[in-house]
Amino acid sequence: MSLAGNIFAVDGTSAQPPAIIDASWESMMATLAMDGSSQPADYAIVEAWYQSNTGHEAAGYNQGDLTPGSLESSYDEQVFEGIIGSHMRVAHDNVTYRGCRVEGGATYGWYTNPTFSSTVTGTLVDSCTFAGGSPPVDKASMLSSNVSGGYGVTFIGCDLSGWSSGVLAQGGAEFKYNWTRDFYGSSVEGAHVSSANAIGEHIRFYRNYLTEGGSNLASIYCDKRTVGDIQITENILNGSGNNNPSYLLFVKSGSYASSAYDVVMGGNWLGDDYQFGRVSGTGVIPFGSNGNVQTDNFLFSDGSPA
């Protein structure tokens, strides 16, 4: 199924995931046995779905069809489609990338210009591939968004592999229906090889298949800046990649934990591949107050509450 025909708002964002991919994902999940004995078969179904629905091929482009070129924006509402380049860098509003491929050649696969404190908004990255290089790969993260006040960047249907860690969302980032896989062991000092890390406000991780992490797969860090309006829901988390995580879902304590607001966490499907535990640290956020809501996560093996 191609995502290339999806309709998005003029600013490059979507208030809800497109109905076509919503229905397809839900149909896929409904086919899983989750009877405690057929996990390999169930994971094969999940992997096949993400393989078909992420990356430039999901937009209808074979790698040989892609055109080499720059993926750095030069004007508002610019559209990049079917282009292969070393990195995406955005300095303008309402820029769209669709069916493109990044082969790591910069610190980040996607980032704003300036890298920090950017006011750029409305970026859509739809059905793109982010492929790192051969080890050692000195890449600290795939995505660094510093936009506040809503989602400055939306990643949907992207395939991320071969880097030293995944998405670092520092505010204003929506990451949904993506696949993180096959990272190399980190060669970056201090990098945690996590698949999706939220540090800030206005961040959403939704229905991703996350398989890579050294310390965790999906996390919220409360030690850097104000934490709020963060959703980590309905993701499939299992440390089946090259880096076995300590935890699948993790919250790091810090001075901003007690004031966290509108954090929603739950409905994630948790696998059996981890070092110390499936979930850790969530107690530092005051769930039940300040709009913070925590609901059950589920075991991928049999669907019971985790």
C-alpha atoms as a PDB file:
ATOM      1  CA  MET A   1       0.000   0.000   0.000  1.00  0.00           C
ATOM      2  CA  SER A   2       1.423   3.376  -0.994  1.00  0.00           C
ATOM      3  CA  LEU A   3       1.063   6.420   1.216  1.00  0.00           C
ATOM      4  CA  ALA A   4       1.815   8.819  -1.624  1.00  0.00           C
ATOM      5  CA  GLY A   5      -1.823   9.694  -2.226  1.00  0.00           C
ATOM      6  CA  ASN A   6      -2.617  10.736   1.331  1.00  0.00           C
ATOM      7  CA  ILE A   7      -4.114  14.169   1.814  1.00  0.00           C
ATOM      8  CA  PHE A   8      -2.556  16.468   4.412  1.00  0.00           C
ATOM      9  CA  ALA A   9      -3.344  19.956   5.580  1.00  0.00           C
ATOM     10  CA  VAL A  10      -1.728  22.823   3.725  1.00  0.00           C
ATOM     11  CA  ASP A  11       0.830  23.308   6.484  1.00  0.00           C
ATOM     12  CA  GLY A  12       2.134  19.775   5.972  1.00  0.00           C
ATOM     13  CA  THR A  13       0.601  18.294   9.112  1.00  0.00           C
ATOM     14  CA  SER A  14      -2.420  16.116   9.749  1.00  0.00           C
ATOM     15  CA  ALA A  15      -4.727  16.378  12.738  1.00  0.00           C
ATOM     16  CA  GLN A  16      -5.236  12.595  12.694  1.00  0.00           C
ATOM     17  CA  PRO A  17      -3.374   9.787  10.950  1.00  0.00           C
ATOM     18  CA  PRO A  18      -4.755   9.283   7.420  1.00  0.00           C
ATOM     19  CA  ALA A  19      -7.712   6.900   7.537  1.00  0.00           C
ATOM     20  CA  ILE A  20      -6.213   4.559   4.962  1.00  0.00           C
ATOM     21  CA  ILE A  21      -3.122   3.728   7.019  1.00  0.00           C
ATOM     22  CA  ASP A  22      -5.135   3.687  10.251  1.00  0.00           C
ATOM     23  CA  ALA A  23      -7.442   1.005   8.877  1.00  0.00           C
ATOM     24  CA  SER A  24      -4.600  -1.016   7.367  1.00  0.00           C
ATOM     25  CA  TRP A  25      -2.617  -1.046  10.625  1.00  0.00           C
ATOM     26  CA  GLU A  26      -5.672  -2.015  12.664  1.00  0.00           C
ATOM     27  CA  SER A  27      -6.489  -4.809  10.217  1.00  0.00           C
ATOM     28  CA  MET A  28      -2.928  -6.111  10.512  1.00  0.00           C
ATOM     29  CA  MET A  29      -3.069  -6.078  14.310  1.00  0.00           C
ATOM     30  CA  ALA A  30      -6.383  -7.957  14.246  1.00  0.00           C
ATOM     31  CA  THR A  31      -4.731 -10.877  12.442  1.00  0.00           C
ATOM     32  CA  LEU A  32      -2.204 -11.510  15.224  1.00  0.00           C
ATOM     33  CA  ALA A  33      -2.819 -14.638  17.257  1.00  0.00           C
ATOM     34  CA  MET A  34      -1.221 -13.376  20.495  1.00  0.00           C
ATOM     35  CA  ASP A  35      -1.842 -16.786  22.036  1.00  0.00           C
ATOM     36  CA  GLY A  36       1.529 -17.036  23.747  1.00  0.00           C
ATOM     37  CA  SER A  37       2.890 -19.650  21.368  1.00  0.00           C
ATOM     38  CA  SER A  38       3.180 -18.004  17.962  1.00  0.00           C
ATOM     39  CA  GLN A  39       5.286 -14.906  18.580  1.00  0.00           C
ATOM     40  CA  PRO A  40       7.653 -15.514  15.626  1.00  0.00           C
ATOM     41  CA  ALA A  41       4.688 -15.713  13.266  1.00  0.00           C
ATOM     42  CA  ASP A  42       3.097 -12.616  14.778  1.00  0.00           C
ATOM     43  CA  TYR A  43       6.308 -10.599  14.553  1.00  0.00           C
ATOM     44  CA  ALA A  44       6.694 -11.719  10.934  1.00  0.00           C
ATOM     45  CA  ILE A  45       3.258 -10.256  10.190  1.00  0.00           C
ATOM     46  CA  VAL A  46       4.161  -6.987  11.891  1.00  0.00           C
ATOM     47  CA  GLU A  47       7.503  -6.752  10.092  1.00  0.00           C
ATOM     48  CA  ALA A  48       5.888  -7.483   6.730  1.00  0.00           C
ATOM     49  CA  TRP A  49       3.391  -4.680   7.286  1.00  0.00           C
ATOM     50  CA  TYR A  50       6.070  -2.116   8.141  1.00  0.00           C
ATOM     51  CA  GLN A  51       8.245  -3.303   5.285  1.00  0.00           C
ATOM     52  CA  SER A  52       5.366  -2.660   2.867  1.00  0.00           C
ATOM     53  CA  ASN A  53       4.239   0.622   4.389  1.00  0.00           C
ATOM     54  CA  THR A  54       7.444   2.502   5.175  1.00  0.00           C
ATOM     55  CA  GLY A  55      10.270   4.009   3.172  1.00  0.00           C
ATOM     56  CA  HIS A  56      10.546   5.349  -0.371  1.00  0.00           C
ATOM     57  CA  GLU A  57       9.251   2.112  -1.864  1.00  0.00           C
ATOM     58  CA  ALA A  58       5.928   2.659  -0.072  1.00  0.00           C
ATOM     59  CA  ALA A  59       5.644   5.863  -2.109  1.00  0.00           C
ATOM     60  CA  GLY A  60       6.145   3.899  -5.321  1.00  0.00           C
ATOM     61  CA  TYR A  61       9.857   4.521  -5.897  1.00  0.00           C
ATOM     62  CA  ASN A  62      12.493   1.843  -6.401  1.00  0.00           C
ATOM     63  CA  GLN A  63      15.956   2.918  -5.337  1.00  0.00           C
ATOM     64  CA  GLY A  64      17.088   3.057  -8.966  1.00  0.00           C
ATOM     65  CA  ASP A  65      14.286   5.519  -9.724  1.00  0.00           C
ATOM     66  CA  LEU A  66      15.527   8.113  -7.250  1.00  0.00           C
ATOM     67  CA  THR A  67      17.261  11.272  -8.465  1.00  0.00           C
ATOM     68  CA  PRO A  68      20.474  12.382  -6.701  1.00  0.00           C
ATOM     69  CA  GLY A  69      20.200  15.870  -5.295  1.00  0.00           C
ATOM     70  CA  SER A  70      20.186  18.212  -2.341  1.00  0.00           C
ATOM     71  CA  LEU A  71      17.530  17.796   0.344  1.00  0.00           C
ATOM     72  CA  GLU A  72      18.178  21.181   1.971  1.00  0.00           C
ATOM     73  CA  SER A  73      15.247  23.583   1.702  1.00  0.00           C
ATOM     74  CA  SER A  74      15.563  26.908  -0.125  1.00  0.00           C
ATOM     75  CA  TYR A  75      12.023  28.360   0.054  1.00  0.00           C
ATOM     76  CA  ASP A  76       8.674  27.970   1.828  1.00  0.00           C
ATOM     77  CA  GLU A  77       6.313  25.193   0.667  1.00  0.00           C
ATOM     78  CA  GLN A  78       9.079  23.425  -1.211  1.00  0.00           C
ATOM     79  CA  VAL A  79       8.341  19.804  -2.183  1.00  0.00           C
ATOM     80  CA  PHE A  80      11.057  17.163  -2.505  1.00  0.00           C
ATOM     81  CA  GLU A  81       9.904  13.918  -4.091  1.00  0.00           C
ATOM     82  CA  GLY A  82      11.871  10.882  -5.260  1.00  0.00           C
ATOM     83  CA  ILE A  83      15.275  12.367  -4.368  1.00  0.00           C
ATOM     84  CA  ILE A  84      18.280  10.660  -2.795  1.00  0.00           C
ATOM     85  CA  GLY A  85      20.731  12.756  -0.771  1.00  0.00           C
ATOM     86  CA  SER A  86      23.008  12.818   2.264  1.00  0.00           C
ATOM     87  CA  HIS A  87      20.666  14.571   4.736  1.00  0.00           C
ATOM     88  CA  MET A  88      17.531  16.686   5.050  1.00  0.00           C
ATOM     89  CA  ARG A  89      17.877  20.169   6.501  1.00  0.00           C
ATOM     90  CA  VAL A  90      14.964  22.573   6.779  1.00  0.00           C
ATOM     91  CA  ALA A  91      15.132  26.365   7.090  1.00  0.00           C
ATOM     92  CA  HIS A  92      11.676  27.177   5.671  1.00  0.00           C
ATOM     93  CA  ASP A  93       8.012  26.619   6.520  1.00  0.00           C
ATOM     94  CA  ASN A  94       5.699  23.946   5.096  1.00  0.00           C
ATOM     95  CA  VAL A  95       8.372  21.866   3.376  1.00  0.00           C
ATOM     96  CA  THR A  96       7.371  18.365   2.221  1.00  0.00           C
ATOM     97  CA  TYR A  97       9.562  15.322   1.623  1.00  0.00           C
ATOM     98  CA  ARG A  98       7.888  12.337  -0.014  1.00  0.00           C
ATOM     99  CA  GLY A  99       9.454   9.127  -1.316  1.00  0.00           C
ATOM    100  CA  CYS A 100      13.016  10.323  -0.633  1.00  0.00           C
ATOM    101  CA  ARG A 101      16.076   8.480   0.657  1.00  0.00           C
ATOM    102  CA  VAL A 102      18.789   9.768   2.995  1.00  0.00           C
ATOM    103  CA  GLU A 103      22.152   8.008   3.067  1.00  0.00           C
ATOM    104  CA  GLY A 104      23.912   9.350   6.138  1.00  0.00           C
ATOM    105  CA  GLY A 105      26.331  12.150   5.479  1.00  0.00           C
ATOM    106  CA  ALA A 106      25.672  14.595   8.315  1.00  0.00           C
ATOM    107  CA  THR A 107      25.301  14.624  12.083  1.00  0.00           C
ATOM    108  CA  TYR A 108      21.533  14.184  11.724  1.00  0.00           C
ATOM    109  CA  GLY A 109      19.430  12.622   9.023  1.00  0.00           C
ATOM    110  CA  TRP A 110      16.857  15.410   9.395  1.00  0.00           C
ATOM    111  CA  TYR A 111      17.298  18.665  11.259  1.00  0.00           C
ATOM    112  CA  THR A 112      16.442  22.341  11.190  1.00  0.00           C
ATOM    113  CA  ASN A 113      18.633  25.287  10.281  1.00  0.00           C
ATOM    114  CA  PRO A 114      19.526  26.627  12.809  1.00  0.00           C
ATOM    115  CA  THR A 115      19.741  23.283  14.572  1.00  0.00           C
ATOM    116  CA  PHE A 116      18.459  24.667  17.884  1.00  0.00           C
ATOM    117  CA  SER A 117      15.771  27.260  18.691  1.00  0.00           C
ATOM    118  CA  SER A 118      14.372  27.078  15.172  1.00  0.00           C
ATOM    119  CA  THR A 119      10.950  28.579  14.418  1.00  0.00           C
ATOM    120  CA  VAL A 120      10.438  26.473  11.272  1.00  0.00           C
ATOM    121  CA  THR A 121       7.082  24.696  11.175  1.00  0.00           C
ATOM    122  CA  GLY A 122       4.880  22.580   8.911  1.00  0.00           C
ATOM    123  CA  THR A 123       7.487  20.034   7.765  1.00  0.00           C
ATOM    124  CA  LEU A 124       6.087  16.735   6.466  1.00  0.00           C
ATOM    125  CA  VAL A 125       8.379  13.736   5.935  1.00  0.00           C
ATOM    126  CA  ASP A 126       6.218  11.100   4.238  1.00  0.00           C
ATOM    127  CA  SER A 127       7.344   7.612   3.188  1.00  0.00           C
ATOM    128  CA  CYS A 128      11.079   8.267   3.259  1.00  0.00           C
ATOM    129  CA  THR A 129      14.066   6.028   3.964  1.00  0.00           C
ATOM    130  CA  PHE A 130      16.875   6.997   6.331  1.00  0.00           C
ATOM    131  CA  ALA A 131      19.830   4.654   5.837  1.00  0.00           C
ATOM    132  CA  GLY A 132      23.028   5.141   7.812  1.00  0.00           C
ATOM    133  CA  GLY A 133      26.420   4.060   6.554  1.00  0.00           C
ATOM    134  CA  SER A 134      28.762   1.209   7.353  1.00  0.00           C
ATOM    135  CA  PRO A 135      30.163   1.074  10.883  1.00  0.00           C
ATOM    136  CA  PRO A 136      31.518   2.997  12.607  1.00  0.00           C
ATOM    137  CA  VAL A 137      28.579   5.383  12.191  1.00  0.00           C
ATOM    138  CA  ASP A 138      29.009   8.650  14.093  1.00  0.00           C
ATOM    139  CA  LYS A 139      25.392   9.747  14.045  1.00  0.00           C
ATOM    140  CA  ALA A 140      23.852  11.021  17.283  1.00  0.00           C
ATOM    141  CA  SER A 141      20.235  10.904  16.142  1.00  0.00           C
ATOM    142  CA  MET A 142      17.899  10.842  13.196  1.00  0.00           C
ATOM    143  CA  LEU A 143      15.652  13.764  14.009  1.00  0.00           C
ATOM    144  CA  SER A 144      16.283  16.912  16.002  1.00  0.00           C
ATOM    145  CA  SER A 145      13.204  19.129  16.183  1.00  0.00           C
ATOM    146  CA  ASN A 146      13.192  22.157  18.429  1.00  0.00           C
ATOM    147  CA  VAL A 147       9.899  23.688  17.311  1.00  0.00           C
ATOM    148  CA  SER A 148       7.348  24.491  20.011  1.00  0.00           C
ATOM    149  CA  GLY A 149       3.599  25.107  19.927  1.00  0.00           C
ATOM    150  CA  GLY A 150       2.203  22.118  18.024  1.00  0.00           C
ATOM    151  CA  TYR A 151       3.965  19.769  15.632  1.00  0.00           C
ATOM    152  CA  GLY A 152       6.669  21.533  13.669  1.00  0.00           C
ATOM    153  CA  VAL A 153       7.564  18.291  11.906  1.00  0.00           C
ATOM    154  CA  THR A 154       5.586  15.133  11.156  1.00  0.00           C
ATOM    155  CA  PHE A 155       7.287  11.884  10.190  1.00  0.00           C
ATOM    156  CA  ILE A 156       4.918   9.243   8.787  1.00  0.00           C
ATOM    157  CA  GLY A 157       5.704   5.911   7.168  1.00  0.00           C
ATOM    158  CA  CYS A 158       9.494   6.220   7.332  1.00  0.00           C
ATOM    159  CA  ASP A 159      12.093   3.433   7.514  1.00  0.00           C
ATOM    160  CA  LEU A 160      15.100   4.235   9.731  1.00  0.00           C
ATOM    161  CA  SER A 161      18.099   1.890   9.835  1.00  0.00           C
ATOM    162  CA  GLY A 162      21.871   1.781  10.096  1.00  0.00           C
ATOM    163  CA  TRP A 163      22.402   4.725  12.455  1.00  0.00           C
ATOM    164  CA  SER A 164      23.820   4.901  15.971  1.00  0.00           C
ATOM    165  CA  SER A 165      20.523   6.012  17.542  1.00  0.00           C
ATOM    166  CA  GLY A 166      17.063   7.043  16.494  1.00  0.00           C
ATOM    167  CA  VAL A 167      14.693   9.951  16.936  1.00  0.00           C
ATOM    168  CA  LEU A 168      15.612  12.723  19.355  1.00  0.00           C
ATOM    169  CA  ALA A 169      12.463  14.855  19.532  1.00  0.00           C
ATOM    170  CA  GLN A 170      13.216  18.083  21.363  1.00  0.00           C
ATOM    171  CA  GLY A 171       9.781  19.637  20.904  1.00  0.00           C
ATOM    172  CA  GLY A 172       7.111  19.984  18.254  1.00  0.00           C
ATOM    173  CA  ALA A 173       7.518  16.560  16.663  1.00  0.00           C
ATOM    174  CA  GLU A 174       5.041  13.892  15.581  1.00  0.00           C
ATOM    175  CA  PHE A 175       6.442  10.442  14.739  1.00  0.00           C
ATOM    176  CA  LYS A 176       3.905   7.831  13.595  1.00  0.00           C
ATOM    177  CA  TYR A 177       3.751   4.571  11.644  1.00  0.00           C
ATOM    178  CA  ASN A 178       7.562   4.461  11.345  1.00  0.00           C
ATOM    179  CA  TRP A 179       9.995   1.551  11.666  1.00  0.00           C
ATOM    180  CA  THR A 180      13.349   1.779  13.495  1.00  0.00           C
ATOM    181  CA  ARG A 181      15.581  -1.238  12.932  1.00  0.00           C
ATOM    182  CA  ASP A 182      19.096  -2.608  12.437  1.00  0.00           C
ATOM    183  CA  PHE A 183      21.110   0.143  14.071  1.00  0.00           C
ATOM    184  CA  TYR A 184      24.837  -0.272  14.530  1.00  0.00           C
ATOM    185  CA  GLY A 185      26.366  -0.234  17.985  1.00  0.00           C
ATOM    186  CA  SER A 186      26.868   3.398  18.882  1.00  0.00           C
ATOM    187  CA  SER A 187      30.255   4.934  18.205  1.00  0.00           C
ATOM    188  CA  VAL A 188      29.114   8.267  19.638  1.00  0.00           C
ATOM    189  CA  GLU A 189      30.229   8.985  23.193  1.00  0.00           C
ATOM    190  CA  GLY A 190      27.170   9.379  25.373  1.00  0.00           C
ATOM    191  CA  ALA A 191      24.665   8.179  22.767  1.00  0.00           C
ATOM    192  CA  HIS A 192      22.072   5.791  24.153  1.00  0.00           C
ATOM    193  CA  VAL A 193      20.979   4.077  20.931  1.00  0.00           C
ATOM    194  CA  SER A 194      17.315   4.654  21.693  1.00  0.00           C
ATOM    195  CA  SER A 195      14.647   4.439  18.994  1.00  0.00           C
ATOM    196  CA  ALA A 196      12.508   7.390  20.115  1.00  0.00           C
ATOM    197  CA  ASN A 197      13.429   9.895  22.824  1.00  0.00           C
ATOM    198  CA  ALA A 198      11.159  12.795  23.865  1.00  0.00           C
ATOM    199  CA  ILE A 199      12.790  15.800  25.532  1.00  0.00           C
ATOM    200  CA  GLY A 200      10.413  18.751  25.687  1.00  0.00           C
ATOM    201  CA  GLU A 201       6.845  19.624  24.754  1.00  0.00           C
ATOM    202  CA  HIS A 202       4.338  18.790  21.979  1.00  0.00           C
ATOM    203  CA  ILE A 203       5.667  15.360  21.004  1.00  0.00           C
ATOM    204  CA  ARG A 204       3.803  12.285  19.788  1.00  0.00           C
ATOM    205  CA  PHE A 205       5.070   8.738  19.191  1.00  0.00           C
ATOM    206  CA  TYR A 206       2.209   6.701  17.721  1.00  0.00           C
ATOM    207  CA  ARG A 207       1.946   3.218  16.199  1.00  0.00           C
ATOM    208  CA  ASN A 208       5.639   2.878  15.444  1.00  0.00           C
ATOM    209  CA  TYR A 209       7.548  -0.410  15.378  1.00  0.00           C
ATOM    210  CA  LEU A 210      10.583   0.288  17.575  1.00  0.00           C
ATOM    211  CA  THR A 211      13.272  -2.392  17.890  1.00  0.00           C
ATOM    212  CA  GLU A 212      16.553  -0.634  18.734  1.00  0.00           C
ATOM    213  CA  GLY A 213      17.827   0.677  22.044  1.00  0.00           C
ATOM    214  CA  GLY A 214      20.819   0.574  24.350  1.00  0.00           C
ATOM    215  CA  SER A 215      19.166   2.144  27.392  1.00  0.00           C
ATOM    216  CA  ASN A 216      15.586   2.119  26.081  1.00  0.00           C
ATOM    217  CA  LEU A 217      13.359   1.946  23.022  1.00  0.00           C
ATOM    218  CA  ALA A 218      10.930   4.792  23.799  1.00  0.00           C
ATOM    219  CA  SER A 219      11.511   7.345  26.520  1.00  0.00           C
ATOM    220  CA  ILE A 220      10.790  10.703  28.093  1.00  0.00           C
ATOM    221  CA  TYR A 221      13.682  12.603  29.647  1.00  0.00           C
ATOM    222  CA  CYS A 222      12.693  15.087  32.363  1.00  0.00           C
ATOM    223  CA  ASP A 223      16.127  16.568  33.041  1.00  0.00           C
ATOM    224  CA  LYS A 224      16.576  19.100  30.223  1.00  0.00           C
ATOM    225  CA  ARG A 225      13.501  21.310  29.791  1.00  0.00           C
ATOM    226  CA  THR A 226       9.758  21.595  30.472  1.00  0.00           C
ATOM    227  CA  VAL A 227       7.923  18.321  29.815  1.00  0.00           C
ATOM    228  CA  GLY A 228       4.364  18.411  28.524  1.00  0.00           C
ATOM    229  CA  ASP A 229       1.854  17.449  25.827  1.00  0.00           C
ATOM    230  CA  ILE A 230       3.627  14.159  25.121  1.00  0.00           C
ATOM    231  CA  GLN A 231       1.875  11.033  23.846  1.00  0.00           C
ATOM    232  CA  ILE A 232       3.500   7.597  23.653  1.00  0.00           C
ATOM    233  CA  THR A 233       0.673   5.301  22.582  1.00  0.00           C
ATOM    234  CA  GLU A 234       0.018   2.112  20.607  1.00  0.00           C
ATOM    235  CA  ASN A 235       3.634   1.514  19.636  1.00  0.00           C
ATOM    236  CA  ILE A 236       5.057  -2.007  19.229  1.00  0.00           C
ATOM    237  CA  LEU A 237       8.238  -2.211  21.334  1.00  0.00           C
ATOM    238  CA  ASN A 238      10.628  -5.137  21.279  1.00  0.00           C
ATOM    239  CA  GLY A 239      14.412  -5.104  21.545  1.00  0.00           C
ATOM    240  CA  SER A 240      14.958  -7.439  18.625  1.00  0.00           C
ATOM    241  CA  GLY A 241      17.541  -5.255  16.885  1.00  0.00           C
ATOM    242  CA  ASN A 242      21.310  -5.158  17.186  1.00  0.00           C
ATOM    243  CA  ASN A 243      21.281  -3.370  20.570  1.00  0.00           C
ATOM    244  CA  ASN A 244      19.413  -5.036  23.426  1.00  0.00           C
ATOM    245  CA  PRO A 245      17.732  -2.300  25.520  1.00  0.00           C
ATOM    246  CA  SER A 246      17.731  -2.074  29.281  1.00  0.00           C
ATOM    247  CA  TYR A 247      14.027  -1.157  29.157  1.00  0.00           C
ATOM    248  CA  LEU A 248      11.376  -0.947  26.479  1.00  0.00           C
ATOM    249  CA  LEU A 249       9.600   2.102  27.904  1.00  0.00           C
ATOM    250  CA  PHE A 250      11.480   4.476  30.185  1.00  0.00           C
ATOM    251  CA  VAL A 251      11.139   7.826  31.953  1.00  0.00           C
ATOM    252  CA  LYS A 252      14.293   9.531  33.192  1.00  0.00           C
ATOM    253  CA  SER A 253      13.798  11.576  36.351  1.00  0.00           C
ATOM    254  CA  GLY A 254      14.816  15.196  36.593  1.00  0.00           C
ATOM    255  CA  SER A 255      13.793  18.613  37.842  1.00  0.00           C
ATOM    256  CA  TYR A 256      10.959  18.905  35.291  1.00  0.00           C
ATOM    257  CA  ALA A 257       9.231  15.623  36.186  1.00  0.00           C
ATOM    258  CA  SER A 258       6.975  16.920  38.958  1.00  0.00           C
ATOM    259  CA  SER A 259       5.606  19.724  36.768  1.00  0.00           C
ATOM    260  CA  ALA A 260       4.977  17.526  33.714  1.00  0.00           C
ATOM    261  CA  TYR A 261       1.576  18.127  32.120  1.00  0.00           C
ATOM    262  CA  ASP A 262      -0.660  16.374  29.558  1.00  0.00           C
ATOM    263  CA  VAL A 263       1.565  13.299  29.297  1.00  0.00           C
ATOM    264  CA  VAL A 264      -0.403  10.354  27.900  1.00  0.00           C
ATOM    265  CA  MET A 265       1.183   6.917  27.981  1.00  0.00           C
ATOM    266  CA  GLY A 266      -0.418   3.526  27.353  1.00  0.00           C
ATOM    267  CA  GLY A 267      -1.774   1.016  24.901  1.00  0.00           C
ATOM    268  CA  ASN A 268       1.729   0.032  23.775  1.00  0.00           C
ATOM    269  CA  TRP A 269       2.541  -3.584  22.896  1.00  0.00           C
ATOM    270  CA  LEU A 270       5.623  -4.795  24.780  1.00  0.00           C
ATOM    271  CA  GLY A 271       7.786  -7.709  23.728  1.00  0.00           C
ATOM    272  CA  ASP A 272      10.116 -10.056  25.613  1.00  0.00           C
ATOM    273  CA  ASP A 273      13.510  -8.809  24.388  1.00  0.00           C
ATOM    274  CA  TYR A 274      15.066  -6.499  26.998  1.00  0.00           C
ATOM    275  CA  GLN A 275      17.730  -6.634  29.724  1.00  0.00           C
ATOM    276  CA  PHE A 276      16.164  -5.460  32.994  1.00  0.00           C
ATOM    277  CA  GLY A 277      12.470  -4.749  32.533  1.00  0.00           C
ATOM    278  CA  ARG A 278       9.754  -3.686  30.172  1.00  0.00           C
ATOM    279  CA  VAL A 279       8.896  -0.386  31.887  1.00  0.00           C
ATOM    280  CA  SER A 280      10.870   1.784  34.297  1.00  0.00           C
ATOM    281  CA  GLY A 281      10.693   5.254  35.837  1.00  0.00           C
ATOM    282  CA  THR A 282       7.124   6.193  34.953  1.00  0.00           C
ATOM    283  CA  GLY A 283       6.359   6.910  38.609  1.00  0.00           C
ATOM    284  CA  VAL A 284       8.299  10.171  38.506  1.00  0.00           C
ATOM    285  CA  ILE A 285       5.517  11.795  36.437  1.00  0.00           C
ATOM    286  CA  PRO A 286       2.414  12.772  38.482  1.00  0.00           C
ATOM    287  CA  PHE A 287      -0.081  10.634  36.582  1.00  0.00           C
ATOM    288  CA  GLY A 288      -3.631  11.389  37.645  1.00  0.00           C
ATOM    289  CA  SER A 289      -2.997  15.135  37.847  1.00  0.00           C
ATOM    290  CA  ASN A 290      -1.963  17.992  35.531  1.00  0.00           C
ATOM    291  CA  GLY A 291      -3.710  16.196  32.663  1.00  0.00           C
ATOM    292  CA  ASN A 292      -1.296  13.254  32.870  1.00  0.00           C
ATOM    293  CA  VAL A 293      -2.886   9.905  32.002  1.00  0.00           C
ATOM    294  CA  GLN A 294      -1.353   6.441  32.217  1.00  0.00           C
ATOM    295  CA  THR A 295      -3.267   3.385  30.954  1.00  0.00           C
ATOM    296  CA  ASP A 296      -2.297  -0.260  30.589  1.00  0.00           C
ATOM    297  CA  ASN A 297       0.308  -1.441  28.154  1.00  0.00           C
ATOM    298  CA  PHE A 298      -0.040  -4.986  26.812  1.00  0.00           C
ATOM    299  CA  LEU A 299       2.168  -8.014  26.389  1.00  0.00           C
ATOM    300  CA  PHE A 300       2.754  -8.735  22.727  1.00  0.00           C
ATOM    301  CA  SER A 301       2.769 -12.461  23.527  1.00  0.00           C
ATOM    302  CA  ASP A 302      -0.843 -12.765  24.687  1.00  0.00           C
ATOM    303  CA  GLY A 303      -2.402  -9.296  24.897  1.00  0.00           C
ATOM    304  CA  SER A 304      -2.659  -9.300  28.689  1.00  0.00           C
ATOM    305  CA  PRO A 305      -1.850  -6.107  30.654  1.00  0.00           C
ATOM    306  CA  ALA A 306       1.906  -5.660  31.009  1.00  0.00           C
END
